[in-house]
Every structure is written in C-alpha cells, then in structure tokens.
C-alpha cells in the first residue's frame, strides 16, 4: 500500500502519529501530548482515541509494543504504542501535503502577517 493512499488523514490520526513518533506512549500520554502540542485546541475523548488506535493498528500505522518502562513508573494496565516504518512514511506524506497547501496559501497572500 502506498502512504499517499491513506491521505488526507483524519486530524486525530495525524496527531496520534506525531505523539508516538519520538517515544512509545500509552493512551492517556497520547491524549496529554496532543493537548500540549495543540495548546488545548484538540482534545481527544477516550472513545475517539481508542477507535482511532484500533483502526491505525489495522492499517499498520502503529503497533502495540511489549516493551515496558521501569516498573516504578509503569501501570501494568497500560498499553503502549509505537509508530511503524509505514506509519512514518504516511506521517511524512501528510506533512508534505500540508506543506504544499501552505505554499499555495502563501502564494495567494493568505499567510498571517504577510501581504
């Protein structure tokens, strides 16, 4: 499957991919990372998060990992997720799509602070 075949990504999917790009994260940590990264503009409900995660695992964008953090900082009920190489390709393709849209908006003088 080509990464571009999944574009455009739902906003939740793109943000979840960003949240697990630099480290494995459990569901609550993903929700918090997205809230922080978007300054509270995007808040995923647990239902949206776990439906998205289920679909993303089926699409092989992320995997549930068996690796666990130090038991002192872990809760055994948590499930941790990691981006796959295919998930990285899809995130990159979506980022390039966004960059192209920004370039088009810039060419039309639609970028804030620019005329």
N, C-alpha and C. Protein backbone atom coordinates (compact mmCIF):
# COMPACT_ATOMS: atom_id res chain seq x y z
N UNK A 1 0.84 -1.17 0.00
CA UNK A 1 0.00 0.00 0.00
C UNK A 1 0.89 1.24 0.00
N UNK A 2 0.55 2.22 -0.82
CA UNK A 2 1.31 3.47 -0.85
C UNK A 2 0.84 4.38 0.27
N UNK A 3 1.77 5.10 0.92
CA UNK A 3 1.38 6.00 2.01
C UNK A 3 0.33 7.01 1.57
N UNK A 4 0.44 7.50 0.36
CA UNK A 4 -0.49 8.53 -0.13
C UNK A 4 -1.92 8.01 -0.25
N UNK A 5 -2.09 6.69 -0.30
CA UNK A 5 -3.43 6.13 -0.43
C UNK A 5 -4.29 6.38 0.81
N UNK A 6 -3.66 6.72 1.94
CA UNK A 6 -4.41 6.98 3.18
C UNK A 6 -4.70 8.46 3.40
N UNK A 7 -4.21 9.32 2.50
CA UNK A 7 -4.37 10.77 2.67
C UNK A 7 -5.68 11.26 2.06
N UNK A 8 -6.23 12.32 2.60
CA UNK A 8 -5.80 13.03 3.79
C UNK A 8 -6.17 12.24 5.05
N UNK A 9 -5.31 12.36 6.05
CA UNK A 9 -5.56 11.67 7.31
C UNK A 9 -6.57 12.44 8.15
N UNK A 10 -7.39 11.72 8.92
CA UNK A 10 -8.20 12.41 9.93
C UNK A 10 -7.26 13.13 10.91
N UNK A 11 -7.69 14.26 11.44
CA UNK A 11 -6.84 15.04 12.35
C UNK A 11 -6.36 14.19 13.52
N UNK A 12 -7.24 13.38 14.08
CA UNK A 12 -6.84 12.55 15.23
C UNK A 12 -5.72 11.60 14.84
N UNK A 13 -5.81 11.01 13.67
CA UNK A 13 -4.79 10.06 13.22
C UNK A 13 -3.43 10.74 13.09
N UNK A 14 -3.41 11.91 12.46
CA UNK A 14 -2.13 12.61 12.29
C UNK A 14 -1.53 12.98 13.64
N UNK A 15 -2.35 13.48 14.54
CA UNK A 15 -1.82 13.87 15.85
C UNK A 15 -1.36 12.66 16.67
N UNK A 16 -2.04 11.55 16.54
CA UNK A 16 -1.59 10.34 17.25
C UNK A 16 -0.24 9.89 16.69
N UNK A 17 -0.08 9.96 15.37
CA UNK A 17 1.21 9.59 14.78
C UNK A 17 2.31 10.51 15.32
N UNK A 18 2.03 11.81 15.40
CA UNK A 18 3.03 12.73 15.95
C UNK A 18 3.36 12.38 17.40
N UNK A 19 2.34 12.01 18.16
CA UNK A 19 2.54 11.73 19.59
C UNK A 19 3.43 10.52 19.84
N UNK A 20 3.41 9.55 18.93
CA UNK A 20 4.21 8.34 19.14
C UNK A 20 5.45 8.29 18.25
N UNK A 21 5.77 9.41 17.61
CA UNK A 21 6.95 9.45 16.74
C UNK A 21 8.25 9.42 17.53
N UNK A 22 8.32 10.18 18.61
CA UNK A 22 9.59 10.27 19.33
C UNK A 22 9.72 9.30 20.50
N UNK A 23 8.60 8.72 20.93
CA UNK A 23 8.67 7.72 22.01
C UNK A 23 7.37 6.92 22.07
N UNK A 24 7.48 5.73 22.65
CA UNK A 24 6.28 4.92 22.86
C UNK A 24 5.43 5.61 23.91
N UNK A 25 4.12 5.60 23.69
CA UNK A 25 3.22 6.24 24.65
C UNK A 25 1.97 5.39 24.87
N UNK A 26 1.41 5.48 26.06
CA UNK A 26 0.12 4.85 26.36
C UNK A 26 -0.97 5.85 26.06
N UNK A 27 -2.23 5.40 26.10
CA UNK A 27 -3.35 6.23 25.67
C UNK A 27 -3.44 7.58 26.35
N UNK A 28 -3.38 7.59 27.66
CA UNK A 28 -3.51 8.87 28.37
C UNK A 28 -2.36 9.81 28.02
N UNK A 29 -1.16 9.27 27.87
CA UNK A 29 0.00 10.10 27.49
C UNK A 29 -0.19 10.66 26.08
N UNK A 30 -0.81 9.89 25.19
CA UNK A 30 -1.09 10.39 23.84
C UNK A 30 -2.07 11.56 23.93
N UNK A 31 -3.13 11.40 24.71
CA UNK A 31 -4.12 12.48 24.86
C UNK A 31 -3.44 13.74 25.40
N UNK A 32 -2.62 13.58 26.41
CA UNK A 32 -1.94 14.75 27.01
C UNK A 32 -0.96 15.39 26.03
N UNK A 33 -0.22 14.57 25.29
CA UNK A 33 0.74 15.11 24.31
C UNK A 33 0.01 15.94 23.26
N UNK A 34 -1.11 15.45 22.78
CA UNK A 34 -1.87 16.17 21.75
C UNK A 34 -2.40 17.49 22.32
N UNK A 35 -2.93 17.45 23.54
CA UNK A 35 -3.42 18.69 24.15
C UNK A 35 -2.31 19.71 24.30
N UNK A 36 -1.14 19.24 24.73
CA UNK A 36 0.00 20.15 24.90
C UNK A 36 0.47 20.68 23.57
N UNK A 37 0.62 19.77 22.59
CA UNK A 37 1.14 20.16 21.28
C UNK A 37 0.22 21.16 20.58
N UNK A 38 -1.10 21.05 20.82
CA UNK A 38 -2.04 21.94 20.15
C UNK A 38 -2.52 23.07 21.07
N UNK A 39 -1.87 23.24 22.20
CA UNK A 39 -2.25 24.27 23.18
C UNK A 39 -3.74 24.16 23.53
N UNK A 40 -4.22 22.93 23.65
CA UNK A 40 -5.60 22.69 24.05
C UNK A 40 -6.63 22.80 22.95
N UNK A 41 -6.20 23.09 21.73
CA UNK A 41 -7.14 23.24 20.62
C UNK A 41 -7.77 21.90 20.22
N UNK A 42 -7.04 20.81 20.44
CA UNK A 42 -7.57 19.48 20.12
C UNK A 42 -7.52 18.63 21.36
N UNK A 43 -8.68 18.18 21.79
CA UNK A 43 -8.79 17.29 22.95
C UNK A 43 -9.54 16.05 22.53
N UNK A 44 -8.85 14.92 22.50
CA UNK A 44 -9.47 13.67 22.09
C UNK A 44 -10.16 13.03 23.28
N UNK A 45 -11.37 12.54 23.04
CA UNK A 45 -12.03 11.74 24.07
C UNK A 45 -11.40 10.35 24.05
N UNK A 46 -11.58 9.62 25.13
CA UNK A 46 -11.04 8.26 25.18
C UNK A 46 -11.65 7.40 24.06
N UNK A 47 -12.94 7.60 23.78
CA UNK A 47 -13.59 6.84 22.72
C UNK A 47 -12.97 7.09 21.36
N UNK A 48 -12.76 8.37 21.04
CA UNK A 48 -12.13 8.73 19.76
C UNK A 48 -10.72 8.18 19.69
N UNK A 49 -9.98 8.31 20.79
CA UNK A 49 -8.59 7.83 20.81
C UNK A 49 -8.54 6.33 20.53
N UNK A 50 -9.32 5.55 21.25
CA UNK A 50 -9.18 4.10 21.12
C UNK A 50 -9.79 3.57 19.83
N UNK A 51 -10.82 4.23 19.29
CA UNK A 51 -11.30 3.84 17.95
C UNK A 51 -10.23 4.15 16.91
N UNK A 52 -9.58 5.30 17.05
CA UNK A 52 -8.51 5.67 16.11
C UNK A 52 -7.34 4.69 16.23
N UNK A 53 -6.96 4.38 17.45
CA UNK A 53 -5.84 3.45 17.65
C UNK A 53 -6.16 2.09 17.04
N UNK A 54 -7.38 1.59 17.24
CA UNK A 54 -7.75 0.29 16.68
C UNK A 54 -7.61 0.31 15.16
N UNK A 55 -8.12 1.38 14.53
CA UNK A 55 -8.03 1.49 13.07
C UNK A 55 -6.57 1.61 12.63
N UNK A 56 -5.78 2.39 13.36
CA UNK A 56 -4.38 2.60 13.00
C UNK A 56 -3.56 1.32 13.14
N UNK A 57 -3.88 0.48 14.11
CA UNK A 57 -3.20 -0.81 14.24
C UNK A 57 -3.58 -1.69 13.04
N UNK A 58 -4.85 -1.69 12.66
CA UNK A 58 -5.29 -2.48 11.50
C UNK A 58 -4.62 -2.00 10.21
N UNK A 59 -4.37 -0.69 10.10
CA UNK A 59 -3.72 -0.12 8.91
C UNK A 59 -2.19 -0.22 9.00
N UNK A 60 -1.68 -0.78 10.10
CA UNK A 60 -0.25 -0.96 10.33
C UNK A 60 0.51 0.37 10.42
N UNK A 61 -0.17 1.39 10.94
CA UNK A 61 0.48 2.69 11.16
C UNK A 61 1.20 2.70 12.51
N UNK A 62 0.64 2.00 13.48
CA UNK A 62 1.23 1.87 14.81
C UNK A 62 1.10 0.42 15.26
N UNK A 63 1.89 0.06 16.25
CA UNK A 63 1.79 -1.27 16.85
C UNK A 63 1.76 -1.12 18.37
N UNK A 64 1.15 -2.09 19.00
CA UNK A 64 1.24 -2.14 20.45
C UNK A 64 2.56 -2.81 20.78
N UNK A 65 3.34 -2.20 21.64
CA UNK A 65 4.66 -2.73 21.94
C UNK A 65 4.64 -3.51 23.25
N UNK A 66 5.51 -4.48 23.33
CA UNK A 66 5.63 -5.30 24.54
C UNK A 66 6.62 -4.67 25.53
N UNK A 67 7.41 -3.72 25.05
CA UNK A 67 8.41 -3.09 25.93
C UNK A 67 7.70 -2.25 26.98
N UNK A 68 8.19 -2.31 28.19
CA UNK A 68 7.58 -1.60 29.31
C UNK A 68 8.60 -0.67 29.95
N UNK A 69 8.14 0.45 30.48
CA UNK A 69 9.07 1.32 31.21
C UNK A 69 9.44 0.70 32.56
N UNK A 70 10.30 1.36 33.26
CA UNK A 70 10.69 0.93 34.60
C UNK A 70 9.42 0.66 35.41
N UNK A 71 9.33 -0.51 36.08
CA UNK A 71 8.11 -0.83 36.84
C UNK A 71 7.72 0.23 37.85
N UNK A 72 8.69 0.99 38.32
CA UNK A 72 8.39 2.06 39.27
C UNK A 72 7.49 3.12 38.66
N UNK A 73 7.60 3.30 37.32
CA UNK A 73 6.84 4.33 36.63
C UNK A 73 5.73 3.75 35.76
N UNK A 74 5.47 2.46 35.89
CA UNK A 74 4.53 1.79 34.99
C UNK A 74 3.25 1.39 35.74
N UNK A 75 2.20 1.26 34.96
CA UNK A 75 0.95 0.69 35.43
C UNK A 75 0.68 -0.47 34.47
N UNK A 76 0.63 -1.67 34.98
CA UNK A 76 0.53 -2.84 34.10
C UNK A 76 -0.75 -2.86 33.27
N UNK A 77 -1.73 -2.03 33.58
CA UNK A 77 -2.96 -1.98 32.78
C UNK A 77 -2.77 -1.19 31.49
N UNK A 78 -1.72 -0.39 31.42
CA UNK A 78 -1.48 0.45 30.25
C UNK A 78 -1.00 -0.36 29.05
N UNK A 79 -1.40 0.12 27.88
CA UNK A 79 -0.89 -0.43 26.63
C UNK A 79 -0.09 0.67 25.96
N UNK A 80 1.08 0.32 25.46
CA UNK A 80 1.97 1.30 24.84
C UNK A 80 1.97 1.09 23.33
N UNK A 81 2.05 2.22 22.61
CA UNK A 81 2.00 2.18 21.14
C UNK A 81 3.23 2.84 20.56
N UNK A 82 3.63 2.33 19.39
CA UNK A 82 4.83 2.80 18.69
C UNK A 82 4.49 2.96 17.21
N UNK A 83 5.05 4.00 16.60
CA UNK A 83 4.85 4.20 15.17
C UNK A 83 5.64 3.13 14.40
N UNK A 84 5.10 2.68 13.30
CA UNK A 84 5.78 1.70 12.44
C UNK A 84 6.53 2.45 11.33
N UNK A 85 7.43 1.78 10.62
CA UNK A 85 8.07 2.43 9.46
C UNK A 85 7.03 2.91 8.44
N UNK A 86 5.97 2.13 8.22
CA UNK A 86 4.92 2.58 7.30
C UNK A 86 4.20 3.81 7.87
N UNK A 87 3.97 3.82 9.17
CA UNK A 87 3.34 4.99 9.81
C UNK A 87 4.18 6.24 9.63
N UNK A 88 5.51 6.10 9.72
CA UNK A 88 6.39 7.26 9.48
C UNK A 88 6.25 7.76 8.04
N UNK A 89 6.18 6.84 7.10
CA UNK A 89 6.02 7.24 5.70
C UNK A 89 4.70 7.97 5.49
N UNK A 90 3.64 7.49 6.12
CA UNK A 90 2.33 8.14 5.99
C UNK A 90 2.35 9.53 6.65
N UNK A 91 2.97 9.63 7.83
CA UNK A 91 3.06 10.94 8.50
C UNK A 91 3.87 11.91 7.65
N UNK A 92 4.94 11.41 7.05
CA UNK A 92 5.76 12.28 6.19
C UNK A 92 4.96 12.73 4.96
N UNK A 93 4.23 11.81 4.35
CA UNK A 93 3.43 12.16 3.17
C UNK A 93 2.37 13.20 3.54
N UNK A 94 1.75 13.05 4.71
CA UNK A 94 0.75 14.03 5.14
C UNK A 94 1.40 15.38 5.40
N UNK A 95 2.57 15.38 6.01
CA UNK A 95 3.29 16.63 6.26
C UNK A 95 3.62 17.34 4.95
N UNK A 96 4.07 16.58 3.96
CA UNK A 96 4.36 17.18 2.65
C UNK A 96 3.10 17.73 2.00
N UNK A 97 1.98 17.03 2.20
CA UNK A 97 0.70 17.54 1.66
C UNK A 97 0.36 18.87 2.31
N UNK A 98 0.52 18.95 3.65
CA UNK A 98 0.26 20.22 4.36
C UNK A 98 1.20 21.32 3.86
N UNK A 99 2.47 20.99 3.68
CA UNK A 99 3.45 21.98 3.22
C UNK A 99 3.05 22.53 1.85
N UNK A 100 2.56 21.66 1.00
CA UNK A 100 2.11 22.11 -0.33
C UNK A 100 0.93 23.07 -0.19
N UNK A 101 0.02 22.76 0.71
CA UNK A 101 -1.13 23.66 0.93
C UNK A 101 -0.67 25.01 1.47
N UNK A 102 0.29 24.99 2.39
CA UNK A 102 0.81 26.25 2.94
C UNK A 102 1.48 27.07 1.83
N UNK A 103 2.25 26.40 0.97
CA UNK A 103 2.89 27.10 -0.15
C UNK A 103 1.85 27.76 -1.05
N UNK A 104 0.76 27.05 -1.31
CA UNK A 104 -0.30 27.60 -2.15
C UNK A 104 -0.96 28.81 -1.48
N UNK A 105 -1.20 28.71 -0.17
CA UNK A 105 -1.81 29.82 0.56
C UNK A 105 -0.87 31.02 0.60
N UNK A 106 0.44 30.74 0.78
CA UNK A 106 1.44 31.82 0.81
C UNK A 106 1.46 32.54 -0.55
N UNK A 107 1.39 31.79 -1.63
CA UNK A 107 1.42 32.38 -2.97
C UNK A 107 0.22 33.29 -3.20
N UNK A 108 -0.87 33.02 -2.51
CA UNK A 108 -2.08 33.84 -2.65
C UNK A 108 -2.16 34.95 -1.61
N UNK A 109 -1.10 35.10 -0.80
CA UNK A 109 -1.06 36.16 0.21
C UNK A 109 -1.96 35.88 1.39
N UNK A 110 -2.24 34.63 1.66
CA UNK A 110 -3.14 34.28 2.75
C UNK A 110 -2.42 33.95 4.06
N UNK A 111 -1.10 34.04 4.09
CA UNK A 111 -0.37 33.74 5.33
C UNK A 111 -0.50 34.92 6.27
N UNK A 112 -0.86 34.68 7.54
CA UNK A 112 -0.98 35.77 8.50
C UNK A 112 0.35 36.52 8.64
N UNK A 113 0.23 37.84 8.75
CA UNK A 113 1.42 38.65 8.94
C UNK A 113 2.15 38.97 7.66
N UNK A 114 1.64 38.51 6.57
CA UNK A 114 2.27 38.79 5.28
C UNK A 114 1.24 39.39 4.35
N UNK A 115 1.69 40.16 3.43
CA UNK A 115 0.74 40.75 2.48
C UNK A 115 1.03 40.29 1.08
